[in-house]
Amino acid sequence: MNLIKMLDQRRSTPSRTLHGPGPNAEEVRQMLTSALRVPDHGKLAPWRFLKIQGDTRLALGDLLAQRALELDANASESIIEKDRARFSFAPVIITVIARLTPKHKVPEQEQILSGGAVCFALLQAAQGLGYGAQWLTGWAAYDPVITKKLGIEENECILGFIHIGNSDEMAPERLRPKLEDLLSDLSL
């Protein structure tokens, strides 16, 4: 598939439709190696990865359910179970973590944008290998108790959980914005 066609066909596969088998270790390595090809002003590599798979996904779900109850003791059972199941569908989840270098000549915003490009490139690599993928964050990416359990340092933040697996369903298309509504020409 040529690159333009692949970009034009990119879709998010809802994580709840993802299942195994997922990518093997070599395929994950290939996806991440491809994702490292993003622009990186200053050669900082301002990101790192945390792979979540196997029973760890379920343990993380239990941790989320427990934390959700700590945050809201009156949370409904359906909310708690949704959090418990959040990481149980895709067989592999790659957490993309921004690793910021403060007060560097490369502004933190550019470091974060580079990490966002890693997330997108990882989605593309997964699709290129025939897998479905979805980039999600959710409250867990920002909760200090959860991020501490995940080993997120003070100079770091989660940019996304990239859920990767197989799906029996065609990824849904959604309405895309019109280019004409977004593009203007500079006139000085």
N, C-alpha and C. Protein backbone atom coordinates (compact mmCIF):
# COMPACT_ATOMS: atom_id res chain seq x y z
N MET A 1 0.86 -1.18 0.00
CA MET A 1 0.00 0.00 0.00
C MET A 1 0.91 1.23 0.00
N ASN A 2 0.63 2.18 -0.90
CA ASN A 2 1.47 3.37 -0.88
C ASN A 2 1.10 4.27 0.30
N LEU A 3 2.01 5.14 0.66
CA LEU A 3 1.88 5.93 1.88
C LEU A 3 0.64 6.83 1.87
N ILE A 4 0.39 7.52 0.77
CA ILE A 4 -0.77 8.42 0.70
C ILE A 4 -2.07 7.63 0.87
N LYS A 5 -2.17 6.50 0.20
CA LYS A 5 -3.37 5.67 0.33
C LYS A 5 -3.53 5.21 1.78
N MET A 6 -2.42 4.82 2.41
CA MET A 6 -2.48 4.36 3.80
C MET A 6 -2.94 5.50 4.73
N LEU A 7 -2.40 6.69 4.53
CA LEU A 7 -2.81 7.83 5.35
C LEU A 7 -4.29 8.15 5.15
N ASP A 8 -4.74 8.07 3.90
CA ASP A 8 -6.14 8.38 3.58
C ASP A 8 -7.09 7.33 4.15
N GLN A 9 -6.61 6.13 4.41
CA GLN A 9 -7.45 5.07 4.93
C GLN A 9 -7.30 4.87 6.44
N ARG A 10 -6.51 5.70 7.11
CA ARG A 10 -6.28 5.53 8.53
C ARG A 10 -7.57 5.72 9.31
N ARG A 11 -7.83 4.79 10.19
CA ARG A 11 -9.00 4.85 11.06
C ARG A 11 -8.63 4.29 12.42
N SER A 12 -9.30 4.76 13.43
CA SER A 12 -9.13 4.19 14.76
C SER A 12 -10.06 2.99 14.89
N THR A 13 -9.50 1.89 15.34
CA THR A 13 -10.30 0.70 15.62
C THR A 13 -10.67 0.74 17.10
N PRO A 14 -11.94 0.84 17.43
CA PRO A 14 -12.31 0.95 18.86
C PRO A 14 -11.67 -0.16 19.69
N SER A 15 -11.06 0.23 20.79
CA SER A 15 -10.32 -0.73 21.62
C SER A 15 -11.20 -1.88 22.07
N ARG A 16 -12.49 -1.64 22.27
CA ARG A 16 -13.39 -2.71 22.74
C ARG A 16 -13.61 -3.80 21.69
N THR A 17 -13.22 -3.52 20.43
CA THR A 17 -13.36 -4.54 19.39
C THR A 17 -12.05 -5.29 19.15
N LEU A 18 -10.99 -4.89 19.85
CA LEU A 18 -9.68 -5.52 19.64
C LEU A 18 -9.55 -6.79 20.47
N HIS A 19 -8.88 -7.76 19.90
CA HIS A 19 -8.65 -9.04 20.60
C HIS A 19 -7.36 -9.65 20.06
N GLY A 20 -6.99 -10.78 20.60
CA GLY A 20 -5.82 -11.49 20.15
C GLY A 20 -6.12 -12.32 18.91
N PRO A 21 -5.12 -12.81 18.25
CA PRO A 21 -3.74 -12.62 18.67
C PRO A 21 -3.26 -11.22 18.35
N GLY A 22 -2.41 -10.74 19.21
CA GLY A 22 -1.82 -9.43 19.00
C GLY A 22 -0.46 -9.56 18.36
N PRO A 23 0.20 -8.44 18.19
CA PRO A 23 1.54 -8.49 17.61
C PRO A 23 2.50 -9.24 18.51
N ASN A 24 3.39 -10.00 17.89
CA ASN A 24 4.42 -10.69 18.67
C ASN A 24 5.55 -9.72 19.00
N ALA A 25 6.52 -10.17 19.75
CA ALA A 25 7.59 -9.29 20.23
C ALA A 25 8.34 -8.63 19.07
N GLU A 26 8.58 -9.37 18.00
CA GLU A 26 9.31 -8.80 16.86
C GLU A 26 8.46 -7.74 16.15
N GLU A 27 7.16 -7.98 16.03
CA GLU A 27 6.29 -6.99 15.40
C GLU A 27 6.19 -5.73 16.26
N VAL A 28 6.10 -5.88 17.57
CA VAL A 28 6.08 -4.71 18.46
C VAL A 28 7.37 -3.93 18.29
N ARG A 29 8.48 -4.65 18.25
CA ARG A 29 9.79 -4.00 18.05
C ARG A 29 9.82 -3.25 16.71
N GLN A 30 9.29 -3.86 15.67
CA GLN A 30 9.26 -3.21 14.36
C GLN A 30 8.39 -1.96 14.40
N MET A 31 7.22 -2.04 15.03
CA MET A 31 6.33 -0.87 15.13
C MET A 31 7.03 0.28 15.86
N LEU A 32 7.66 -0.05 16.99
CA LEU A 32 8.30 0.99 17.79
C LEU A 32 9.51 1.57 17.06
N THR A 33 10.25 0.73 16.36
CA THR A 33 11.39 1.22 15.59
C THR A 33 10.93 2.19 14.51
N SER A 34 9.82 1.86 13.85
CA SER A 34 9.25 2.77 12.86
C SER A 34 8.78 4.07 13.50
N ALA A 35 8.17 3.96 14.68
CA ALA A 35 7.66 5.15 15.37
C ALA A 35 8.78 6.09 15.81
N LEU A 36 9.97 5.56 15.99
CA LEU A 36 11.11 6.40 16.40
C LEU A 36 11.62 7.31 15.29
N ARG A 37 11.07 7.17 14.09
CA ARG A 37 11.53 7.96 12.94
C ARG A 37 10.90 9.35 12.88
N VAL A 38 10.21 9.76 13.92
CA VAL A 38 9.51 11.05 13.91
C VAL A 38 10.50 12.21 14.04
N PRO A 39 10.05 13.43 13.69
CA PRO A 39 10.89 14.59 13.92
C PRO A 39 11.23 14.72 15.42
N ASP A 40 12.46 15.05 15.69
CA ASP A 40 12.95 15.14 17.07
C ASP A 40 14.00 16.24 17.14
N HIS A 41 13.51 17.47 17.20
CA HIS A 41 14.38 18.64 17.27
C HIS A 41 15.32 18.51 18.48
N GLY A 42 16.61 18.63 18.24
CA GLY A 42 17.58 18.54 19.32
C GLY A 42 18.02 17.11 19.63
N LYS A 43 17.46 16.13 18.92
CA LYS A 43 17.80 14.72 19.15
C LYS A 43 17.68 14.34 20.62
N LEU A 44 16.60 14.79 21.25
CA LEU A 44 16.39 14.54 22.68
C LEU A 44 15.76 13.18 22.96
N ALA A 45 15.09 12.61 21.96
CA ALA A 45 14.27 11.41 22.20
C ALA A 45 13.42 11.65 23.45
N PRO A 46 12.53 12.67 23.39
CA PRO A 46 11.78 13.06 24.58
C PRO A 46 10.56 12.17 24.85
N TRP A 47 10.75 10.87 24.75
CA TRP A 47 9.67 9.93 24.96
C TRP A 47 10.27 8.58 25.34
N ARG A 48 9.42 7.77 25.93
CA ARG A 48 9.76 6.38 26.21
C ARG A 48 8.48 5.57 26.16
N PHE A 49 8.61 4.25 26.27
CA PHE A 49 7.47 3.36 26.11
C PHE A 49 7.33 2.43 27.29
N LEU A 50 6.10 2.08 27.59
CA LEU A 50 5.78 1.10 28.62
C LEU A 50 4.77 0.12 27.99
N LYS A 51 5.18 -1.15 27.86
CA LYS A 51 4.32 -2.16 27.24
C LYS A 51 3.47 -2.82 28.31
N ILE A 52 2.18 -2.92 28.03
CA ILE A 52 1.22 -3.55 28.94
C ILE A 52 0.60 -4.71 28.18
N GLN A 53 0.73 -5.93 28.72
CA GLN A 53 0.16 -7.09 28.05
C GLN A 53 -0.10 -8.19 29.07
N GLY A 54 -0.74 -9.25 28.61
CA GLY A 54 -0.99 -10.40 29.48
C GLY A 54 -1.85 -10.04 30.68
N ASP A 55 -1.58 -10.73 31.79
CA ASP A 55 -2.36 -10.52 33.01
C ASP A 55 -2.16 -9.13 33.61
N THR A 56 -1.09 -8.46 33.23
CA THR A 56 -0.85 -7.10 33.72
C THR A 56 -1.99 -6.17 33.32
N ARG A 57 -2.60 -6.41 32.15
CA ARG A 57 -3.74 -5.60 31.70
C ARG A 57 -4.90 -5.69 32.69
N LEU A 58 -5.13 -6.91 33.17
CA LEU A 58 -6.24 -7.13 34.10
C LEU A 58 -5.92 -6.54 35.47
N ALA A 59 -4.66 -6.67 35.90
CA ALA A 59 -4.26 -6.08 37.18
C ALA A 59 -4.38 -4.56 37.13
N LEU A 60 -4.04 -3.97 35.98
CA LEU A 60 -4.19 -2.53 35.83
C LEU A 60 -5.67 -2.15 35.87
N GLY A 61 -6.52 -2.96 35.27
CA GLY A 61 -7.96 -2.71 35.34
C GLY A 61 -8.47 -2.75 36.77
N ASP A 62 -7.99 -3.71 37.55
CA ASP A 62 -8.39 -3.78 38.96
C ASP A 62 -7.93 -2.53 39.71
N LEU A 63 -6.72 -2.08 39.40
CA LEU A 63 -6.19 -0.86 40.02
C LEU A 63 -7.05 0.35 39.66
N LEU A 64 -7.47 0.45 38.41
CA LEU A 64 -8.33 1.55 37.99
C LEU A 64 -9.68 1.50 38.70
N ALA A 65 -10.25 0.31 38.82
CA ALA A 65 -11.54 0.18 39.49
C ALA A 65 -11.42 0.60 40.96
N GLN A 66 -10.35 0.17 41.60
CA GLN A 66 -10.12 0.54 43.00
C GLN A 66 -9.95 2.05 43.13
N ARG A 67 -9.17 2.64 42.23
CA ARG A 67 -8.93 4.08 42.29
C ARG A 67 -10.22 4.86 41.99
N ALA A 68 -11.01 4.37 41.06
CA ALA A 68 -12.28 5.04 40.74
C ALA A 68 -13.19 5.09 41.96
N LEU A 69 -13.21 4.02 42.74
CA LEU A 69 -14.00 4.00 43.97
C LEU A 69 -13.43 4.95 45.03
N GLU A 70 -12.10 5.07 45.07
CA GLU A 70 -11.49 6.03 46.00
C GLU A 70 -11.89 7.46 45.63
N LEU A 71 -11.96 7.73 44.34
CA LEU A 71 -12.30 9.07 43.87
C LEU A 71 -13.79 9.37 44.03
N ASP A 72 -14.61 8.33 43.92
CA ASP A 72 -16.06 8.51 44.05
C ASP A 72 -16.67 7.24 44.64
N ALA A 73 -16.85 7.24 45.94
CA ALA A 73 -17.39 6.07 46.64
C ALA A 73 -18.80 5.73 46.16
N ASN A 74 -19.48 6.67 45.51
CA ASN A 74 -20.84 6.44 45.03
C ASN A 74 -20.89 6.09 43.54
N ALA A 75 -19.72 5.83 42.95
CA ALA A 75 -19.69 5.50 41.52
C ALA A 75 -20.53 4.26 41.25
N SER A 76 -21.23 4.28 40.14
CA SER A 76 -22.10 3.14 39.80
C SER A 76 -21.25 1.92 39.44
N GLU A 77 -21.87 0.77 39.58
CA GLU A 77 -21.19 -0.49 39.24
C GLU A 77 -20.76 -0.49 37.78
N SER A 78 -21.59 0.10 36.90
CA SER A 78 -21.24 0.11 35.47
C SER A 78 -19.99 0.95 35.21
N ILE A 79 -19.84 2.05 35.94
CA ILE A 79 -18.64 2.89 35.80
C ILE A 79 -17.42 2.11 36.27
N ILE A 80 -17.54 1.45 37.41
CA ILE A 80 -16.42 0.69 37.97
C ILE A 80 -16.03 -0.45 37.03
N GLU A 81 -17.01 -1.14 36.49
CA GLU A 81 -16.71 -2.25 35.59
C GLU A 81 -16.13 -1.76 34.27
N LYS A 82 -16.55 -0.60 33.81
CA LYS A 82 -15.96 -0.02 32.60
C LYS A 82 -14.48 0.25 32.83
N ASP A 83 -14.14 0.80 33.99
CA ASP A 83 -12.73 1.05 34.30
C ASP A 83 -11.96 -0.26 34.45
N ARG A 84 -12.58 -1.25 35.07
CA ARG A 84 -11.92 -2.54 35.25
C ARG A 84 -11.59 -3.18 33.89
N ALA A 85 -12.48 -3.01 32.92
CA ALA A 85 -12.30 -3.63 31.61
C ALA A 85 -11.47 -2.79 30.64
N ARG A 86 -11.17 -1.56 31.00
CA ARG A 86 -10.55 -0.60 30.09
C ARG A 86 -9.33 -1.16 29.33
N PHE A 87 -8.49 -1.94 29.97
CA PHE A 87 -7.27 -2.45 29.35
C PHE A 87 -7.35 -3.94 29.03
N SER A 88 -8.54 -4.51 29.06
CA SER A 88 -8.67 -5.97 28.91
C SER A 88 -8.91 -6.45 27.49
N PHE A 89 -9.14 -5.56 26.56
CA PHE A 89 -9.53 -5.98 25.21
C PHE A 89 -8.32 -6.20 24.30
N ALA A 90 -7.57 -5.16 24.03
CA ALA A 90 -6.40 -5.27 23.15
C ALA A 90 -5.34 -6.12 23.84
N PRO A 91 -4.71 -7.03 23.11
CA PRO A 91 -3.69 -7.87 23.73
C PRO A 91 -2.40 -7.13 24.06
N VAL A 92 -2.15 -6.03 23.37
CA VAL A 92 -0.95 -5.23 23.62
C VAL A 92 -1.34 -3.76 23.70
N ILE A 93 -0.88 -3.10 24.73
CA ILE A 93 -1.06 -1.66 24.86
C ILE A 93 0.33 -1.06 25.06
N ILE A 94 0.66 -0.11 24.22
CA ILE A 94 1.93 0.61 24.36
C ILE A 94 1.61 1.99 24.93
N THR A 95 2.16 2.26 26.10
CA THR A 95 2.01 3.57 26.71
C THR A 95 3.14 4.45 26.20
N VAL A 96 2.78 5.57 25.58
CA VAL A 96 3.79 6.52 25.11
C VAL A 96 3.89 7.61 26.15
N ILE A 97 5.08 7.78 26.66
CA ILE A 97 5.34 8.69 27.77
C ILE A 97 6.28 9.80 27.31
N ALA A 98 5.84 11.05 27.48
CA ALA A 98 6.72 12.19 27.20
C ALA A 98 7.74 12.28 28.33
N ARG A 99 8.99 12.40 27.96
CA ARG A 99 10.09 12.53 28.91
C ARG A 99 10.73 13.89 28.65
N LEU A 100 10.24 14.89 29.38
CA LEU A 100 10.57 16.28 29.08
C LEU A 100 11.89 16.73 29.70
N THR A 101 12.60 17.53 28.94
CA THR A 101 13.81 18.18 29.43
C THR A 101 13.49 19.66 29.60
N PRO A 102 13.18 20.08 30.84
CA PRO A 102 12.82 21.49 31.07
C PRO A 102 14.00 22.43 30.81
N LYS A 103 13.68 23.64 30.46
CA LYS A 103 14.66 24.71 30.26
C LYS A 103 15.72 24.35 29.22
N HIS A 104 15.33 23.54 28.27
CA HIS A 104 16.21 23.19 27.15
C HIS A 104 15.93 24.16 26.02
N LYS A 105 16.87 24.29 25.09
CA LYS A 105 16.63 25.19 23.95
C LYS A 105 15.44 24.73 23.10
N VAL A 106 15.13 23.42 23.15
CA VAL A 106 13.94 22.91 22.48
C VAL A 106 12.78 23.06 23.47
N PRO A 107 11.81 23.92 23.16
CA PRO A 107 10.70 24.14 24.10
C PRO A 107 9.96 22.84 24.43
N GLU A 108 9.42 22.77 25.63
CA GLU A 108 8.69 21.58 26.06
C GLU A 108 7.54 21.26 25.10
N GLN A 109 6.90 22.28 24.55
CA GLN A 109 5.81 22.04 23.61
C GLN A 109 6.31 21.23 22.41
N GLU A 110 7.50 21.53 21.90
CA GLU A 110 8.04 20.77 20.77
C GLU A 110 8.37 19.35 21.18
N GLN A 111 8.82 19.16 22.40
CA GLN A 111 9.11 17.82 22.90
C GLN A 111 7.82 17.00 22.97
N ILE A 112 6.75 17.62 23.45
CA ILE A 112 5.46 16.93 23.53
C ILE A 112 4.92 16.64 22.13
N LEU A 113 5.06 17.59 21.23
CA LEU A 113 4.59 17.37 19.86
C LEU A 113 5.34 16.21 19.21
N SER A 114 6.62 16.07 19.49
CA SER A 114 7.38 14.94 18.97
C SER A 114 6.80 13.63 19.49
N GLY A 115 6.43 13.62 20.77
CA GLY A 115 5.80 12.43 21.35
C GLY A 115 4.44 12.14 20.73
N GLY A 116 3.69 13.19 20.41
CA GLY A 116 2.42 13.00 19.72
C GLY A 116 2.63 12.39 18.34
N ALA A 117 3.71 12.81 17.68
CA ALA A 117 4.04 12.22 16.38
C ALA A 117 4.39 10.74 16.54
N VAL A 118 5.04 10.38 17.64
CA VAL A 118 5.34 8.97 17.92
C VAL A 118 4.03 8.19 18.03
N CYS A 119 3.06 8.74 18.74
CA CYS A 119 1.76 8.06 18.89
C CYS A 119 1.13 7.81 17.52
N PHE A 120 1.13 8.82 16.68
CA PHE A 120 0.53 8.68 15.36
C PHE A 120 1.30 7.68 14.50
N ALA A 121 2.63 7.77 14.55
CA ALA A 121 3.44 6.84 13.76
C ALA A 121 3.23 5.40 14.22
N LEU A 122 3.03 5.22 15.51
CA LEU A 122 2.77 3.88 16.05
C LEU A 122 1.43 3.35 15.54
N LEU A 123 0.42 4.21 15.47
CA LEU A 123 -0.86 3.81 14.88
C LEU A 123 -0.68 3.37 13.43
N GLN A 124 0.09 4.16 12.68
CA GLN A 124 0.34 3.84 11.27
C GLN A 124 1.09 2.52 11.12
N ALA A 125 2.10 2.32 11.97
CA ALA A 125 2.89 1.09 11.90
C ALA A 125 2.02 -0.12 12.21
N ALA A 126 1.14 0.00 13.21
CA ALA A 126 0.24 -1.10 13.55
C ALA A 126 -0.66 -1.43 12.36
N GLN A 127 -1.24 -0.40 11.75
CA GLN A 127 -2.11 -0.61 10.60
C GLN A 127 -1.32 -1.20 9.44
N GLY A 128 -0.09 -0.74 9.26
CA GLY A 128 0.76 -1.27 8.19
C GLY A 128 1.05 -2.75 8.33
N LEU A 129 1.06 -3.23 9.57
CA LEU A 129 1.29 -4.66 9.81
C LEU A 129 -0.02 -5.45 9.88
N GLY A 130 -1.15 -4.77 9.62
CA GLY A 130 -2.42 -5.46 9.55
C GLY A 130 -3.20 -5.50 10.85
N TYR A 131 -2.80 -4.71 11.83
CA TYR A 131 -3.49 -4.68 13.12
C TYR A 131 -4.39 -3.45 13.20
N GLY A 132 -5.40 -3.55 14.06
CA GLY A 132 -6.20 -2.40 14.41
C GLY A 132 -5.57 -1.73 15.62
N ALA A 133 -5.77 -0.44 15.75
CA ALA A 133 -5.18 0.28 16.88
C ALA A 133 -6.02 1.51 17.21
N GLN A 134 -5.94 1.90 18.48
CA GLN A 134 -6.62 3.12 18.92
C GLN A 134 -5.74 3.82 19.95
N TRP A 135 -5.65 5.13 19.82
CA TRP A 135 -4.90 5.99 20.73
C TRP A 135 -5.90 6.55 21.73
N LEU A 136 -5.74 6.17 23.00
CA LEU A 136 -6.63 6.64 24.05
C LEU A 136 -5.81 7.24 25.20
N THR A 137 -6.46 8.09 25.96
CA THR A 137 -5.86 8.56 27.21
C THR A 137 -6.83 8.21 28.33
N GLY A 138 -7.79 9.06 28.60
CA GLY A 138 -8.73 8.81 29.70
C GLY A 138 -8.15 9.32 31.00
N TRP A 139 -8.97 9.29 32.03
CA TRP A 139 -8.60 9.88 33.31
C TRP A 139 -7.35 9.23 33.91
N ALA A 140 -7.13 7.96 33.64
CA ALA A 140 -5.99 7.25 34.23
C ALA A 140 -4.66 7.85 33.80
N ALA A 141 -4.62 8.46 32.61
CA ALA A 141 -3.38 9.06 32.12
C ALA A 141 -2.97 10.29 32.92
N TYR A 142 -3.92 10.85 33.67
CA TYR A 142 -3.67 12.11 34.39
C TYR A 142 -3.76 11.96 35.91
N ASP A 143 -4.18 10.81 36.36
CA ASP A 143 -4.36 10.61 37.80
C ASP A 143 -3.01 10.36 38.47
N PRO A 144 -2.67 11.15 39.50
CA PRO A 144 -1.34 11.01 40.13
C PRO A 144 -1.09 9.66 40.80
N VAL A 145 -2.12 9.03 41.32
CA VAL A 145 -1.95 7.71 41.95
C VAL A 145 -1.64 6.66 40.88
N ILE A 146 -2.39 6.69 39.79
CA ILE A 146 -2.18 5.72 38.72
C ILE A 146 -0.83 5.96 38.05
N THR A 147 -0.52 7.20 37.74
CA THR A 147 0.75 7.46 37.05
C THR A 147 1.94 7.08 37.92
N LYS A 148 1.81 7.25 39.22
CA LYS A 148 2.90 6.82 40.12
C LYS A 148 3.07 5.30 40.06
N LYS A 149 1.95 4.57 40.07
CA LYS A 149 2.01 3.10 39.97
C LYS A 149 2.63 2.66 38.65
N LEU A 150 2.45 3.45 37.61
CA LEU A 150 3.02 3.14 36.30
C LEU A 150 4.48 3.58 36.18
N GLY A 151 5.01 4.21 37.21
CA GLY A 151 6.41 4.62 37.19
C GLY A 151 6.68 5.90 36.44
N ILE A 152 5.65 6.75 36.31
CA ILE A 152 5.81 8.02 35.61
C ILE A 152 6.55 9.00 36.53
N GLU A 153 7.66 9.52 36.04
CA GLU A 153 8.49 10.43 36.83
C GLU A 153 7.93 11.86 36.79
N GLU A 154 8.50 12.72 37.61
CA GLU A 154 8.02 14.11 37.72
C GLU A 154 8.13 14.88 36.41
N ASN A 155 9.15 14.59 35.62
CA ASN A 155 9.34 15.30 34.35
C ASN A 155 8.65 14.58 33.18
N GLU A 156 7.75 13.66 33.49
CA GLU A 156 7.10 12.86 32.46
C GLU A 156 5.58 13.00 32.52
N CYS A 157 4.95 12.66 31.40
CA CYS A 157 3.49 12.59 31.36
C CYS A 157 3.10 11.58 30.29
N ILE A 158 1.95 10.97 30.48
CA ILE A 158 1.45 10.00 29.51
C ILE A 158 0.79 10.75 28.36
N LEU A 159 1.25 10.43 27.15
CA LEU A 159 0.66 11.03 25.96
C LEU A 159 -0.44 10.16 25.39
N GLY A 160 -0.37 8.88 25.65
CA GLY A 160 -1.42 8.00 25.16
C GLY A 160 -1.15 6.55 25.45
N PHE A 161 -2.25 5.81 25.49
CA PHE A 161 -2.21 4.36 25.55
C PHE A 161 -2.61 3.90 24.15
N ILE A 162 -1.69 3.26 23.43
CA ILE A 162 -1.98 2.79 22.08
C ILE A 162 -2.38 1.32 22.17
N HIS A 163 -3.67 1.07 22.00
CA HIS A 163 -4.22 -0.28 22.08
C HIS A 163 -4.07 -0.94 20.70
N ILE A 164 -3.48 -2.13 20.66
CA ILE A 164 -3.18 -2.80 19.39
C ILE A 164 -3.65 -4.25 19.44
N GLY A 165 -4.33 -4.68 18.38
CA GLY A 165 -4.77 -6.06 18.29
C GLY A 165 -5.48 -6.33 16.99
N ASN A 166 -6.14 -7.44 16.93
CA ASN A 166 -6.95 -7.81 15.78
C ASN A 166 -8.40 -7.43 16.04
N SER A 167 -9.14 -7.25 14.96
CA SER A 167 -10.56 -6.96 15.09
C SER A 167 -11.30 -7.66 13.97
N ASP A 168 -12.47 -8.17 14.29
CA ASP A 168 -13.31 -8.81 13.28
C ASP A 168 -14.20 -7.80 12.59
N GLU A 169 -14.19 -6.57 13.10
CA GLU A 169 -15.05 -5.52 12.56
C GLU A 169 -14.22 -4.52 11.78
N MET A 170 -14.80 -4.00 10.71
CA MET A 170 -14.16 -2.94 9.96
C MET A 170 -14.16 -1.69 10.84
N ALA A 171 -13.01 -1.05 10.94
CA ALA A 171 -12.94 0.19 11.72
C ALA A 171 -13.90 1.21 11.11
N PRO A 172 -14.73 1.83 11.94
CA PRO A 172 -15.74 2.75 11.40
C PRO A 172 -15.11 4.03 10.83
N GLU A 173 -15.71 4.50 9.77
CA GLU A 173 -15.30 5.79 9.22
C GLU A 173 -16.11 6.84 9.96
N ARG A 174 -15.56 8.01 10.08
CA ARG A 174 -16.29 9.10 10.71
C ARG A 174 -16.23 10.31 9.80
N LEU A 175 -17.10 11.25 10.05
CA LEU A 175 -17.12 12.47 9.28
C LEU A 175 -15.83 13.24 9.53
N ARG A 176 -15.15 13.61 8.49
CA ARG A 176 -13.89 14.36 8.59
C ARG A 176 -14.16 15.83 8.26
N PRO A 177 -13.37 16.72 8.84
CA PRO A 177 -13.57 18.15 8.54
C PRO A 177 -13.26 18.43 7.07
N LYS A 178 -13.85 19.49 6.57
CA LYS A 178 -13.59 19.92 5.19
C LYS A 178 -12.34 20.78 5.18
N LEU A 179 -11.43 20.45 4.30
CA LEU A 179 -10.19 21.21 4.18
C LEU A 179 -10.47 22.69 3.93
N GLU A 180 -11.49 22.97 3.15
CA GLU A 180 -11.83 24.35 2.80
C GLU A 180 -12.16 25.19 4.05
N ASP A 181 -12.65 24.53 5.09
CA ASP A 181 -12.99 25.24 6.32
C ASP A 181 -11.77 25.49 7.20
N LEU A 182 -10.66 24.88 6.85
CA LEU A 182 -9.47 24.93 7.73
C LEU A 182 -8.28 25.63 7.11
N LEU A 183 -8.28 25.76 5.79
CA LEU A 183 -7.11 26.31 5.09
C LEU A 183 -7.36 27.74 4.66
N SER A 184 -6.39 28.60 4.97
CA SER A 184 -6.44 29.98 4.48
C SER A 184 -5.05 30.33 3.96
N ASP A 185 -4.98 31.35 3.14
CA ASP A 185 -3.71 31.83 2.58
C ASP A 185 -3.30 33.08 3.33
N LEU A 186 -2.03 33.15 3.65
CA LEU A 186 -1.50 34.35 4.28
C LEU A 186 -1.41 35.46 3.24
N SER A 187 -1.89 36.61 3.61
CA SER A 187 -1.82 37.76 2.73
C SER A 187 -1.30 38.93 3.57
N LEU A 188 -0.13 39.41 3.23
CA LEU A 188 0.46 40.53 3.98
C LEU A 188 0.35 41.83 3.21
